[in-house]
Amino acid sequence: MPRCDHCGNEYDKSLDITWEGTTHTFDCFECAIAEIAPECAQCGVKIIGHGLEANGQFFCCRNCAETAGVSGLRDRV
């Protein structure tokens, strides 16, 4: 039975996600998020949507980007 890469749980309905060329096995989306989702460079929240990126850093929103000194990003176009 597949074993979750994050929590070690064995689960018959696991999912495999290939991320940056490596395949990971998870028993749920929560474990996948905890393991591979990027974190906001300002507040540390896991980014599970599109987020924003500037200068190699990820941000959950425009406010966090501006707080970190990055200007010109917008949440919506």
PDB file of N, CA and C in Angstrom:
ATOM      1  N   MET A   1       0.848  -1.174   0.000  1.00  0.00           N
ATOM      2  CA  MET A   1       0.000   0.000   0.000  1.00  0.00           C
ATOM      3  C   MET A   1       0.901   1.247   0.000  1.00  0.00           C
ATOM      4  N   PRO A   2       0.520   2.273  -0.770  1.00  0.00           N
ATOM      5  CA  PRO A   2       1.350   3.492  -0.821  1.00  0.00           C
ATOM      6  C   PRO A   2       1.448   4.180   0.545  1.00  0.00           C
ATOM      7  N   ARG A   3       2.599   4.785   0.790  1.00  0.00           N
ATOM      8  CA  ARG A   3       2.859   5.492   2.046  1.00  0.00           C
ATOM      9  C   ARG A   3       3.051   6.982   1.740  1.00  0.00           C
ATOM     10  N   CYS A   4       2.417   7.840   2.520  1.00  0.00           N
ATOM     11  CA  CYS A   4       2.509   9.289   2.344  1.00  0.00           C
ATOM     12  C   CYS A   4       3.922   9.774   2.655  1.00  0.00           C
ATOM     13  N   ASP A   5       4.478  10.565   1.735  1.00  0.00           N
ATOM     14  CA  ASP A   5       5.819  11.116   1.932  1.00  0.00           C
ATOM     15  C   ASP A   5       5.892  12.109   3.083  1.00  0.00           C
ATOM     16  N   HIS A   6       4.764  12.699   3.434  1.00  0.00           N
ATOM     17  CA  HIS A   6       4.767  13.719   4.486  1.00  0.00           C
ATOM     18  C   HIS A   6       4.523  13.131   5.874  1.00  0.00           C
ATOM     19  N   CYS A   7       3.426  12.363   6.021  1.00  0.00           N
ATOM     20  CA  CYS A   7       3.057  11.884   7.366  1.00  0.00           C
ATOM     21  C   CYS A   7       3.331  10.404   7.592  1.00  0.00           C
ATOM     22  N   GLY A   8       3.627   9.667   6.506  1.00  0.00           N
ATOM     23  CA  GLY A   8       3.928   8.250   6.645  1.00  0.00           C
ATOM     24  C   GLY A   8       2.720   7.333   6.673  1.00  0.00           C
ATOM     25  N   ASN A   9       1.522   7.900   6.575  1.00  0.00           N
ATOM     26  CA  ASN A   9       0.312   7.090   6.597  1.00  0.00           C
ATOM     27  C   ASN A   9       0.231   6.216   5.343  1.00  0.00           C
ATOM     28  N   GLU A  10      -0.170   4.970   5.527  1.00  0.00           N
ATOM     29  CA  GLU A  10      -0.432   4.087   4.397  1.00  0.00           C
ATOM     30  C   GLU A  10      -1.899   4.228   4.027  1.00  0.00           C
ATOM     31  N   TYR A  11      -2.168   4.478   2.740  1.00  0.00           N
ATOM     32  CA  TYR A  11      -3.539   4.753   2.323  1.00  0.00           C
ATOM     33  C   TYR A  11      -3.748   4.236   0.915  1.00  0.00           C
ATOM     34  N   ASP A  12      -4.829   3.484   0.706  1.00  0.00           N
ATOM     35  CA  ASP A  12      -5.070   2.873  -0.601  1.00  0.00           C
ATOM     36  C   ASP A  12      -5.571   3.856  -1.660  1.00  0.00           C
ATOM     37  N   LYS A  13      -5.952   5.049  -1.263  1.00  0.00           N
ATOM     38  CA  LYS A  13      -6.432   6.059  -2.205  1.00  0.00           C
ATOM     39  C   LYS A  13      -5.470   7.256  -2.259  1.00  0.00           C
ATOM     40  N   SER A  14      -4.191   6.981  -2.169  1.00  0.00           N
ATOM     41  CA  SER A  14      -3.187   8.049  -2.185  1.00  0.00           C
ATOM     42  C   SER A  14      -3.119   8.705  -3.566  1.00  0.00           C
ATOM     43  N   LEU A  15      -2.435   9.830  -3.637  1.00  0.00           N
ATOM     44  CA  LEU A  15      -2.246  10.525  -4.904  1.00  0.00           C
ATOM     45  C   LEU A  15      -0.764  10.788  -5.116  1.00  0.00           C
ATOM     46  N   ASP A  16      -0.354  10.755  -6.359  1.00  0.00           N
ATOM     47  CA  ASP A  16       1.027  11.061  -6.724  1.00  0.00           C
ATOM     48  C   ASP A  16       1.057  12.407  -7.414  1.00  0.00           C
ATOM     49  N   ILE A  17       1.998  13.248  -7.013  1.00  0.00           N
ATOM     50  CA  ILE A  17       2.187  14.555  -7.626  1.00  0.00           C
ATOM     51  C   ILE A  17       3.640  14.652  -8.060  1.00  0.00           C
ATOM     52  N   THR A  18       3.835  14.976  -9.334  1.00  0.00           N
ATOM     53  CA  THR A  18       5.191  15.194  -9.824  1.00  0.00           C
ATOM     54  C   THR A  18       5.470  16.690  -9.766  1.00  0.00           C
ATOM     55  N   TRP A  19       6.505  17.060  -9.020  1.00  0.00           N
ATOM     56  CA  TRP A  19       6.852  18.461  -8.772  1.00  0.00           C
ATOM     57  C   TRP A  19       8.336  18.615  -9.041  1.00  0.00           C
ATOM     58  N   GLU A  20       8.669  19.483  -9.974  1.00  0.00           N
ATOM     59  CA  GLU A  20      10.057  19.757 -10.327  1.00  0.00           C
ATOM     60  C   GLU A  20      10.824  18.467 -10.619  1.00  0.00           C
ATOM     61  N   GLY A  21      10.179  17.555 -11.365  1.00  0.00           N
ATOM     62  CA  GLY A  21      10.831  16.335 -11.804  1.00  0.00           C
ATOM     63  C   GLY A  21      10.854  15.184 -10.819  1.00  0.00           C
ATOM     64  N   THR A  22      10.314  15.375  -9.622  1.00  0.00           N
ATOM     65  CA  THR A  22      10.292  14.318  -8.613  1.00  0.00           C
ATOM     66  C   THR A  22       8.840  13.971  -8.286  1.00  0.00           C
ATOM     67  N   THR A  23       8.526  12.678  -8.257  1.00  0.00           N
ATOM     68  CA  THR A  23       7.175  12.243  -7.929  1.00  0.00           C
ATOM     69  C   THR A  23       7.065  11.983  -6.428  1.00  0.00           C
ATOM     70  N   HIS A  24       6.038  12.579  -5.818  1.00  0.00           N
ATOM     71  CA  HIS A  24       5.765  12.449  -4.396  1.00  0.00           C
ATOM     72  C   HIS A  24       4.430  11.731  -4.221  1.00  0.00           C
ATOM     73  N   THR A  25       4.293  10.977  -3.153  1.00  0.00           N
ATOM     74  CA  THR A  25       3.042  10.294  -2.830  1.00  0.00           C
ATOM     75  C   THR A  25       2.469  10.897  -1.551  1.00  0.00           C
ATOM     76  N   PHE A  26       1.176  11.225  -1.599  1.00  0.00           N
ATOM     77  CA  PHE A  26       0.508  11.823  -0.443  1.00  0.00           C
ATOM     78  C   PHE A  26      -0.820  11.115  -0.202  1.00  0.00           C
ATOM     79  N   ASP A  27      -1.229  11.087   1.056  1.00  0.00           N
ATOM     80  CA  ASP A  27      -2.524  10.476   1.367  1.00  0.00           C
ATOM     81  C   ASP A  27      -3.660  11.486   1.292  1.00  0.00           C
ATOM     82  N   CYS A  28      -3.348  12.787   1.206  1.00  0.00           N
ATOM     83  CA  CYS A  28      -4.378  13.820   1.112  1.00  0.00           C
ATOM     84  C   CYS A  28      -3.759  15.120   0.598  1.00  0.00           C
ATOM     85  N   PHE A  29      -4.622  16.037   0.190  1.00  0.00           N
ATOM     86  CA  PHE A  29      -4.136  17.328  -0.293  1.00  0.00           C
ATOM     87  C   PHE A  29      -3.448  18.123   0.813  1.00  0.00           C
ATOM     88  N   GLU A  30      -3.915  17.979   2.047  1.00  0.00           N
ATOM     89  CA  GLU A  30      -3.290  18.718   3.155  1.00  0.00           C
ATOM     90  C   GLU A  30      -1.813  18.378   3.286  1.00  0.00           C
ATOM     91  N   CYS A  31      -1.478  17.096   3.161  1.00  0.00           N
ATOM     92  CA  CYS A  31      -0.069  16.695   3.246  1.00  0.00           C
ATOM     93  C   CYS A  31       0.720  17.215   2.051  1.00  0.00           C
ATOM     94  N   ALA A  32       0.093  17.200   0.868  1.00  0.00           N
ATOM     95  CA  ALA A  32       0.763  17.730  -0.320  1.00  0.00           C
ATOM     96  C   ALA A  32       1.061  19.214  -0.147  1.00  0.00           C
ATOM     97  N   ILE A  33       0.104  19.960   0.370  1.00  0.00           N
ATOM     98  CA  ILE A  33       0.295  21.393   0.609  1.00  0.00           C
ATOM     99  C   ILE A  33       1.407  21.617   1.622  1.00  0.00           C
ATOM    100  N   ALA A  34       1.370  20.878   2.711  1.00  0.00           N
ATOM    101  CA  ALA A  34       2.393  21.040   3.752  1.00  0.00           C
ATOM    102  C   ALA A  34       3.789  20.747   3.224  1.00  0.00           C
ATOM    103  N   GLU A  35       3.891  19.810   2.312  1.00  0.00           N
ATOM    104  CA  GLU A  35       5.198  19.363   1.833  1.00  0.00           C
ATOM    105  C   GLU A  35       5.750  20.203   0.688  1.00  0.00           C
ATOM    106  N   ILE A  36       4.911  20.576  -0.298  1.00  0.00           N
ATOM    107  CA  ILE A  36       5.476  21.172  -1.510  1.00  0.00           C
ATOM    108  C   ILE A  36       4.967  22.566  -1.866  1.00  0.00           C
ATOM    109  N   ALA A  37       3.913  23.067  -1.224  1.00  0.00           N
ATOM    110  CA  ALA A  37       3.431  24.411  -1.557  1.00  0.00           C
ATOM    111  C   ALA A  37       4.440  25.462  -1.103  1.00  0.00           C
ATOM    112  N   PRO A  38       4.658  26.495  -1.921  1.00  0.00           N
ATOM    113  CA  PRO A  38       5.586  27.554  -1.512  1.00  0.00           C
ATOM    114  C   PRO A  38       5.005  28.353  -0.342  1.00  0.00           C
ATOM    115  N   GLU A  39       5.872  29.004   0.413  1.00  0.00           N
ATOM    116  CA  GLU A  39       5.442  29.849   1.525  1.00  0.00           C
ATOM    117  C   GLU A  39       5.634  31.312   1.161  1.00  0.00           C
ATOM    118  N   CYS A  40       4.741  32.145   1.649  1.00  0.00           N
ATOM    119  CA  CYS A  40       4.859  33.585   1.454  1.00  0.00           C
ATOM    120  C   CYS A  40       6.139  34.065   2.137  1.00  0.00           C
ATOM    121  N   ALA A  41       6.947  34.815   1.404  1.00  0.00           N
ATOM    122  CA  ALA A  41       8.216  35.314   1.940  1.00  0.00           C
ATOM    123  C   ALA A  41       8.012  36.308   3.072  1.00  0.00           C
ATOM    124  N   GLN A  42       6.821  36.896   3.166  1.00  0.00           N
ATOM    125  CA  GLN A  42       6.563  37.889   4.207  1.00  0.00           C
ATOM    126  C   GLN A  42       5.890  37.287   5.436  1.00  0.00           C
ATOM    127  N   CYS A  43       4.764  36.585   5.244  1.00  0.00           N
ATOM    128  CA  CYS A  43       3.988  36.121   6.403  1.00  0.00           C
ATOM    129  C   CYS A  43       4.114  34.623   6.671  1.00  0.00           C
ATOM    130  N   GLY A  44       4.658  33.873   5.712  1.00  0.00           N
ATOM    131  CA  GLY A  44       4.894  32.451   5.923  1.00  0.00           C
ATOM    132  C   GLY A  44       3.729  31.529   5.619  1.00  0.00           C
ATOM    133  N   VAL A  45       2.582  32.065   5.209  1.00  0.00           N
ATOM    134  CA  VAL A  45       1.432  31.226   4.899  1.00  0.00           C
ATOM    135  C   VAL A  45       1.745  30.357   3.671  1.00  0.00           C
ATOM    136  N   LYS A  46       1.205  29.149   3.640  1.00  0.00           N
ATOM    137  CA  LYS A  46       1.355  28.295   2.470  1.00  0.00           C
ATOM    138  C   LYS A  46       0.493  28.859   1.340  1.00  0.00           C
ATOM    139  N   ILE A  47       1.062  28.992   0.165  1.00  0.00           N
ATOM    140  CA  ILE A  47       0.349  29.545  -0.984  1.00  0.00           C
ATOM    141  C   ILE A  47      -0.244  28.390  -1.776  1.00  0.00           C
ATOM    142  N   ILE A  48      -1.566  28.285  -1.766  1.00  0.00           N
ATOM    143  CA  ILE A  48      -2.220  27.190  -2.485  1.00  0.00           C
ATOM    144  C   ILE A  48      -2.942  27.693  -3.730  1.00  0.00           C
ATOM    145  N   GLY A  49      -2.955  28.986  -3.944  1.00  0.00           N
ATOM    146  CA  GLY A  49      -3.493  29.566  -5.171  1.00  0.00           C
ATOM    147  C   GLY A  49      -2.340  30.009  -6.045  1.00  0.00           C
ATOM    148  N   HIS A  50      -2.598  30.983  -6.890  1.00  0.00           N
ATOM    149  CA  HIS A  50      -1.547  31.466  -7.784  1.00  0.00           C
ATOM    150  C   HIS A  50      -0.479  32.255  -7.052  1.00  0.00           C
ATOM    151  N   GLY A  51      -0.869  33.083  -6.102  1.00  0.00           N
ATOM    152  CA  GLY A  51       0.099  33.909  -5.402  1.00  0.00           C
ATOM    153  C   GLY A  51       0.750  34.902  -6.339  1.00  0.00           C
ATOM    154  N   LEU A  52       1.780  35.539  -5.857  1.00  0.00           N
ATOM    155  CA  LEU A  52       2.539  36.516  -6.638  1.00  0.00           C
ATOM    156  C   LEU A  52       4.012  36.183  -6.505  1.00  0.00           C
ATOM    157  N   GLU A  53       4.783  36.495  -7.541  1.00  0.00           N
ATOM    158  CA  GLU A  53       6.218  36.202  -7.510  1.00  0.00           C
ATOM    159  C   GLU A  53       6.990  37.406  -8.004  1.00  0.00           C
ATOM    160  N   ALA A  54       8.058  37.729  -7.303  1.00  0.00           N
ATOM    161  CA  ALA A  54       8.946  38.815  -7.708  1.00  0.00           C
ATOM    162  C   ALA A  54      10.333  38.550  -7.154  1.00  0.00           C
ATOM    163  N   ASN A  55      11.334  38.746  -7.971  1.00  0.00           N
ATOM    164  CA  ASN A  55      12.730  38.602  -7.547  1.00  0.00           C
ATOM    165  C   ASN A  55      13.004  37.246  -6.900  1.00  0.00           C
ATOM    166  N   GLY A  56      12.361  36.195  -7.419  1.00  0.00           N
ATOM    167  CA  GLY A  56      12.580  34.855  -6.886  1.00  0.00           C
ATOM    168  C   GLY A  56      11.875  34.561  -5.576  1.00  0.00           C
ATOM    169  N   GLN A  57      11.021  35.477  -5.126  1.00  0.00           N
ATOM    170  CA  GLN A  57      10.271  35.271  -3.889  1.00  0.00           C
ATOM    171  C   GLN A  57       8.789  35.144  -4.212  1.00  0.00           C
ATOM    172  N   PHE A  58       8.077  34.342  -3.399  1.00  0.00           N
ATOM    173  CA  PHE A  58       6.639  34.180  -3.554  1.00  0.00           C
ATOM    174  C   PHE A  58       5.925  34.939  -2.445  1.00  0.00           C
ATOM    175  N   PHE A  59       4.783  35.516  -2.791  1.00  0.00           N
ATOM    176  CA  PHE A  59       3.951  36.243  -1.834  1.00  0.00           C
ATOM    177  C   PHE A  59       2.507  35.798  -1.987  1.00  0.00           C
ATOM    178  N   CYS A  60       1.788  35.783  -0.873  1.00  0.00           N
ATOM    179  CA  CYS A  60       0.386  35.364  -0.923  1.00  0.00           C
ATOM    180  C   CYS A  60      -0.509  36.467  -1.466  1.00  0.00           C
ATOM    181  N   CYS A  61      -0.073  37.724  -1.337  1.00  0.00           N
ATOM    182  CA  CYS A  61      -0.905  38.848  -1.782  1.00  0.00           C
ATOM    183  C   CYS A  61      -0.028  40.082  -2.014  1.00  0.00           C
ATOM    184  N   ARG A  62      -0.632  41.095  -2.625  1.00  0.00           N
ATOM    185  CA  ARG A  62       0.061  42.349  -2.906  1.00  0.00           C
ATOM    186  C   ARG A  62       0.518  43.033  -1.617  1.00  0.00           C
ATOM    187  N   ASN A  63      -0.310  42.979  -0.573  1.00  0.00           N
ATOM    188  CA  ASN A  63       0.047  43.639   0.682  1.00  0.00           C
ATOM    189  C   ASN A  63       1.344  43.062   1.253  1.00  0.00           C
ATOM    190  N   CYS A  64       1.479  41.747   1.249  1.00  0.00           N
ATOM    191  CA  CYS A  64       2.709  41.132   1.760  1.00  0.00           C
ATOM    192  C   CYS A  64       3.907  41.513   0.903  1.00  0.00           C
ATOM    193  N   ALA A  65       3.707  41.561  -0.416  1.00  0.00           N
ATOM    194  CA  ALA A  65       4.795  41.961  -1.306  1.00  0.00           C
ATOM    195  C   ALA A  65       5.234  43.392  -1.002  1.00  0.00           C
ATOM    196  N   GLU A  66       4.272  44.296  -0.850  1.00  0.00           N
ATOM    197  CA  GLU A  66       4.607  45.700  -0.556  1.00  0.00           C
ATOM    198  C   GLU A  66       5.261  45.840   0.804  1.00  0.00           C
ATOM    199  N   THR A  67       4.792  45.076   1.794  1.00  0.00           N
ATOM    200  CA  THR A  67       5.400  45.110   3.121  1.00  0.00           C
ATOM    201  C   THR A  67       6.858  44.669   3.057  1.00  0.00           C
ATOM    202  N   ALA A  68       7.153  43.749   2.131  1.00  0.00           N
ATOM    203  CA  ALA A  68       8.525  43.271   1.954  1.00  0.00           C
ATOM    204  C   ALA A  68       9.353  44.183   1.044  1.00  0.00           C
ATOM    205  N   GLY A  69       8.751  45.290   0.595  1.00  0.00           N
ATOM    206  CA  GLY A  69       9.483  46.251  -0.223  1.00  0.00           C
ATOM    207  C   GLY A  69       9.377  46.049  -1.715  1.00  0.00           C
ATOM    208  N   VAL A  70       8.481  45.178  -2.160  1.00  0.00           N
ATOM    209  CA  VAL A  70       8.280  44.936  -3.590  1.00  0.00           C
ATOM    210  C   VAL A  70       7.064  45.732  -4.045  1.00  0.00           C
ATOM    211  N   SER A  71       7.250  46.569  -5.046  1.00  0.00           N
ATOM    212  CA  SER A  71       6.114  47.364  -5.545  1.00  0.00           C
ATOM    213  C   SER A  71       5.787  46.947  -6.970  1.00  0.00           C
ATOM    214  N   GLY A  72       4.614  47.346  -7.402  1.00  0.00           N
ATOM    215  CA  GLY A  72       4.204  47.107  -8.775  1.00  0.00           C
ATOM    216  C   GLY A  72       3.460  45.818  -9.014  1.00  0.00           C
ATOM    217  N   LEU A  73       3.264  44.996  -8.006  1.00  0.00           N
ATOM    218  CA  LEU A  73       2.510  43.748  -8.180  1.00  0.00           C
ATOM    219  C   LEU A  73       1.035  44.020  -7.915  1.00  0.00           C
ATOM    220  N   ARG A  74       0.170  43.256  -8.593  1.00  0.00           N
ATOM    221  CA  ARG A  74      -1.268  43.402  -8.386  1.00  0.00           C
ATOM    222  C   ARG A  74      -1.882  42.034  -8.172  1.00  0.00           C
ATOM    223  N   ASP A  75      -2.913  41.978  -7.316  1.00  0.00           N
ATOM    224  CA  ASP A  75      -3.617  40.722  -7.069  1.00  0.00           C
ATOM    225  C   ASP A  75      -4.464  40.334  -8.273  1.00  0.00           C
ATOM    226  N   ARG A  76      -5.005  41.316  -8.982  1.00  0.00           N
ATOM    227  CA  ARG A  76      -5.862  41.065 -10.137  1.00  0.00           C
ATOM    228  C   ARG A  76      -5.445  41.972 -11.288  1.00  0.00           C
ATOM    229  N   VAL A  77      -5.664  41.465 -12.492  1.00  0.00           N
ATOM    230  CA  VAL A  77      -5.361  42.261 -13.686  1.00  0.00           C
ATOM    231  C   VAL A  77      -6.649  42.808 -14.238  1.00  0.00           C
TER     232      VAL A  77
END
